[in-house]
Amino acid sequence: MAGRKLAAVMLLLCAVLVLSACGKRGTPQPPGPPDQVTFPRVYPTR
């Protein structure tokens, strides 16, 4: 009984950790149409 609860908690913890890593993929892009972007450089990472 305790083993099943522990397994369920561990599974839930793993699912939460995997889903918390979800986010927008790729490099940040400036908003707006590409032809109207004034500075087409990459955003700084710091």
PDB file of N, CA and C in Angstrom:
ATOM      1  N   MET A   1       0.828  -1.200   0.000  1.00  0.00           N
ATOM      2  CA  MET A   1       0.000   0.000   0.000  1.00  0.00           C
ATOM      3  C   MET A   1       0.874   1.265   0.000  1.00  0.00           C
ATOM      4  N   ALA A   2       1.857   1.289   0.899  1.00  0.00           N
ATOM      5  CA  ALA A   2       2.733   2.456   0.963  1.00  0.00           C
ATOM      6  C   ALA A   2       3.599   2.550  -0.292  1.00  0.00           C
ATOM      7  N   GLY A   3       3.962   1.400  -0.853  1.00  0.00           N
ATOM      8  CA  GLY A   3       4.760   1.389  -2.075  1.00  0.00           C
ATOM      9  C   GLY A   3       4.002   1.958  -3.255  1.00  0.00           C
ATOM     10  N   ARG A   4       2.714   1.699  -3.315  1.00  0.00           N
ATOM     11  CA  ARG A   4       1.896   2.240  -4.416  1.00  0.00           C
ATOM     12  C   ARG A   4       1.769   3.754  -4.301  1.00  0.00           C
ATOM     13  N   LYS A   5       1.607   4.236  -3.067  1.00  0.00           N
ATOM     14  CA  LYS A   5       1.495   5.688  -2.871  1.00  0.00           C
ATOM     15  C   LYS A   5       2.813   6.370  -3.216  1.00  0.00           C
ATOM     16  N   LEU A   6       3.901   5.758  -2.815  1.00  0.00           N
ATOM     17  CA  LEU A   6       5.214   6.323  -3.136  1.00  0.00           C
ATOM     18  C   LEU A   6       5.444   6.337  -4.645  1.00  0.00           C
ATOM     19  N   ALA A   7       5.059   5.271  -5.316  1.00  0.00           N
ATOM     20  CA  ALA A   7       5.208   5.205  -6.770  1.00  0.00           C
ATOM     21  C   ALA A   7       4.339   6.258  -7.454  1.00  0.00           C
ATOM     22  N   ALA A   8       3.127   6.457  -6.939  1.00  0.00           N
ATOM     23  CA  ALA A   8       2.233   7.463  -7.521  1.00  0.00           C
ATOM     24  C   ALA A   8       2.791   8.866  -7.317  1.00  0.00           C
ATOM     25  N   VAL A   9       3.338   9.123  -6.131  1.00  0.00           N
ATOM     26  CA  VAL A   9       3.913  10.433  -5.860  1.00  0.00           C
ATOM     27  C   VAL A   9       5.136  10.672  -6.736  1.00  0.00           C
ATOM     28  N   MET A  10       5.971   9.658  -6.906  1.00  0.00           N
ATOM     29  CA  MET A  10       7.156   9.797  -7.750  1.00  0.00           C
ATOM     30  C   MET A  10       6.770  10.026  -9.209  1.00  0.00           C
ATOM     31  N   LEU A  11       5.756   9.311  -9.674  1.00  0.00           N
ATOM     32  CA  LEU A  11       5.276   9.500 -11.045  1.00  0.00           C
ATOM     33  C   LEU A  11       4.726  10.908 -11.235  1.00  0.00           C
ATOM     34  N   LEU A  12       3.974  11.376 -10.268  1.00  0.00           N
ATOM     35  CA  LEU A  12       3.423  12.732 -10.340  1.00  0.00           C
ATOM     36  C   LEU A  12       4.542  13.769 -10.314  1.00  0.00           C
ATOM     37  N   LEU A  13       5.539  13.553  -9.486  1.00  0.00           N
ATOM     38  CA  LEU A  13       6.674  14.469  -9.422  1.00  0.00           C
ATOM     39  C   LEU A  13       7.430  14.499 -10.746  1.00  0.00           C
ATOM     40  N   CYS A  14       7.637  13.347 -11.340  1.00  0.00           N
ATOM     41  CA  CYS A  14       8.315  13.294 -12.644  1.00  0.00           C
ATOM     42  C   CYS A  14       7.508  14.014 -13.715  1.00  0.00           C
ATOM     43  N   ALA A  15       6.190  13.827 -13.715  1.00  0.00           N
ATOM     44  CA  ALA A  15       5.337  14.485 -14.706  1.00  0.00           C
ATOM     45  C   ALA A  15       5.379  15.998 -14.530  1.00  0.00           C
ATOM     46  N   VAL A  16       5.359  16.458 -13.280  1.00  0.00           N
ATOM     47  CA  VAL A  16       5.410  17.904 -13.024  1.00  0.00           C
ATOM     48  C   VAL A  16       6.751  18.476 -13.478  1.00  0.00           C
ATOM     49  N   LEU A  17       7.833  17.779 -13.216  1.00  0.00           N
ATOM     50  CA  LEU A  17       9.153  18.268 -13.627  1.00  0.00           C
ATOM     51  C   LEU A  17       9.287  18.331 -15.138  1.00  0.00           C
ATOM     52  N   VAL A  18       8.766  17.321 -15.819  1.00  0.00           N
ATOM     53  CA  VAL A  18       8.849  17.311 -17.287  1.00  0.00           C
ATOM     54  C   VAL A  18       8.002  18.433 -17.875  1.00  0.00           C
ATOM     55  N   LEU A  19       6.815  18.630 -17.334  1.00  0.00           N
ATOM     56  CA  LEU A  19       5.942  19.670 -17.873  1.00  0.00           C
ATOM     57  C   LEU A  19       6.420  21.070 -17.504  1.00  0.00           C
ATOM     58  N   SER A  20       7.136  21.207 -16.410  1.00  0.00           N
ATOM     59  CA  SER A  20       7.634  22.532 -16.041  1.00  0.00           C
ATOM     60  C   SER A  20       8.759  22.970 -16.964  1.00  0.00           C
ATOM     61  N   ALA A  21       9.377  22.037 -17.660  1.00  0.00           N
ATOM     62  CA  ALA A  21      10.441  22.380 -18.592  1.00  0.00           C
ATOM     63  C   ALA A  21       9.888  22.864 -19.930  1.00  0.00           C
ATOM     64  N   CYS A  22       8.589  22.776 -20.129  1.00  0.00           N
ATOM     65  CA  CYS A  22       7.992  23.228 -21.386  1.00  0.00           C
ATOM     66  C   CYS A  22       8.095  24.745 -21.488  1.00  0.00           C
ATOM     67  N   GLY A  23       8.332  25.202 -22.643  1.00  0.00           N
ATOM     68  CA  GLY A  23       8.419  26.639 -22.874  1.00  0.00           C
ATOM     69  C   GLY A  23       8.505  26.902 -24.353  1.00  0.00           C
ATOM     70  N   LYS A  24       8.749  28.116 -24.683  1.00  0.00           N
ATOM     71  CA  LYS A  24       8.865  28.472 -26.084  1.00  0.00           C
ATOM     72  C   LYS A  24      10.221  27.996 -26.594  1.00  0.00           C
ATOM     73  N   ARG A  25      10.208  27.294 -27.695  1.00  0.00           N
ATOM     74  CA  ARG A  25      11.451  26.766 -28.263  1.00  0.00           C
ATOM     75  C   ARG A  25      12.094  27.795 -29.173  1.00  0.00           C
ATOM     76  N   GLY A  26      13.382  27.646 -29.316  1.00  0.00           N
ATOM     77  CA  GLY A  26      14.107  28.484 -30.260  1.00  0.00           C
ATOM     78  C   GLY A  26      14.567  29.797 -29.652  1.00  0.00           C
ATOM     79  N   THR A  27      15.207  30.601 -30.480  1.00  0.00           N
ATOM     80  CA  THR A  27      15.708  31.887 -30.010  1.00  0.00           C
ATOM     81  C   THR A  27      14.581  32.910 -29.968  1.00  0.00           C
ATOM     82  N   PRO A  28      14.682  33.901 -29.096  1.00  0.00           N
ATOM     83  CA  PRO A  28      13.652  34.940 -29.039  1.00  0.00           C
ATOM     84  C   PRO A  28      13.600  35.737 -30.335  1.00  0.00           C
ATOM     85  N   GLN A  29      12.422  36.038 -30.793  1.00  0.00           N
ATOM     86  CA  GLN A  29      12.231  36.812 -32.010  1.00  0.00           C
ATOM     87  C   GLN A  29      11.566  38.135 -31.657  1.00  0.00           C
ATOM     88  N   PRO A  30      11.963  39.237 -32.301  1.00  0.00           N
ATOM     89  CA  PRO A  30      11.300  40.508 -32.033  1.00  0.00           C
ATOM     90  C   PRO A  30       9.853  40.466 -32.525  1.00  0.00           C
ATOM     91  N   PRO A  31       8.947  41.175 -31.849  1.00  0.00           N
ATOM     92  CA  PRO A  31       7.548  41.174 -32.273  1.00  0.00           C
ATOM     93  C   PRO A  31       7.354  41.959 -33.565  1.00  0.00           C
ATOM     94  N   GLY A  32       6.312  41.628 -34.265  1.00  0.00           N
ATOM     95  CA  GLY A  32       5.966  42.357 -35.478  1.00  0.00           C
ATOM     96  C   GLY A  32       6.385  41.632 -36.732  1.00  0.00           C
ATOM     97  N   PRO A  33       5.955  42.147 -37.870  1.00  0.00           N
ATOM     98  CA  PRO A  33       6.330  41.551 -39.152  1.00  0.00           C
ATOM     99  C   PRO A  33       7.835  41.674 -39.384  1.00  0.00           C
ATOM    100  N   PRO A  34       8.438  40.672 -39.986  1.00  0.00           N
ATOM    101  CA  PRO A  34       9.897  40.703 -40.198  1.00  0.00           C
ATOM    102  C   PRO A  34      10.380  41.885 -41.031  1.00  0.00           C
ATOM    103  N   ASP A  35       9.563  42.388 -41.943  1.00  0.00           N
ATOM    104  CA  ASP A  35      10.029  43.500 -42.781  1.00  0.00           C
ATOM    105  C   ASP A  35      10.008  44.842 -42.047  1.00  0.00           C
ATOM    106  N   GLN A  36       9.358  44.906 -40.875  1.00  0.00           N
ATOM    107  CA  GLN A  36       9.304  46.148 -40.107  1.00  0.00           C
ATOM    108  C   GLN A  36      10.191  46.123 -38.866  1.00  0.00           C
ATOM    109  N   VAL A  37      10.997  45.103 -38.716  1.00  0.00           N
ATOM    110  CA  VAL A  37      11.901  45.014 -37.569  1.00  0.00           C
ATOM    111  C   VAL A  37      13.087  45.926 -37.822  1.00  0.00           C
ATOM    112  N   THR A  38      13.321  46.882 -36.909  1.00  0.00           N
ATOM    113  CA  THR A  38      14.385  47.859 -37.088  1.00  0.00           C
ATOM    114  C   THR A  38      15.758  47.248 -36.845  1.00  0.00           C
ATOM    115  N   PHE A  39      15.889  46.493 -35.776  1.00  0.00           N
ATOM    116  CA  PHE A  39      17.162  45.880 -35.417  1.00  0.00           C
ATOM    117  C   PHE A  39      17.008  44.365 -35.472  1.00  0.00           C
ATOM    118  N   PRO A  40      17.348  43.718 -36.580  1.00  0.00           N
ATOM    119  CA  PRO A  40      17.129  42.276 -36.710  1.00  0.00           C
ATOM    120  C   PRO A  40      18.188  41.424 -36.024  1.00  0.00           C
ATOM    121  N   ARG A  41      18.786  41.933 -34.943  1.00  0.00           N
ATOM    122  CA  ARG A  41      19.791  41.152 -34.224  1.00  0.00           C
ATOM    123  C   ARG A  41      19.114  40.282 -33.173  1.00  0.00           C
ATOM    124  N   VAL A  42      19.904  39.374 -32.642  1.00  0.00           N
ATOM    125  CA  VAL A  42      19.386  38.510 -31.591  1.00  0.00           C
ATOM    126  C   VAL A  42      19.344  39.298 -30.286  1.00  0.00           C
ATOM    127  N   TYR A  43      18.358  39.010 -29.454  1.00  0.00           N
ATOM    128  CA  TYR A  43      18.267  39.651 -28.150  1.00  0.00           C
ATOM    129  C   TYR A  43      19.420  39.197 -27.270  1.00  0.00           C
ATOM    130  N   PRO A  44      19.916  40.063 -26.392  1.00  0.00           N
ATOM    131  CA  PRO A  44      20.998  39.641 -25.502  1.00  0.00           C
ATOM    132  C   PRO A  44      20.516  38.599 -24.506  1.00  0.00           C
ATOM    133  N   THR A  45      21.406  37.713 -24.130  1.00  0.00           N
ATOM    134  CA  THR A  45      21.009  36.640 -23.212  1.00  0.00           C
ATOM    135  C   THR A  45      21.324  36.982 -21.764  1.00  0.00           C
ATOM    136  N   ARG A  46      22.000  38.066 -21.522  1.00  0.00           N
ATOM    137  CA  ARG A  46      22.305  38.446 -20.136  1.00  0.00           C
ATOM    138  C   ARG A  46      21.382  39.514 -19.653  1.00  0.00           C
TER     139      ARG A  46
END
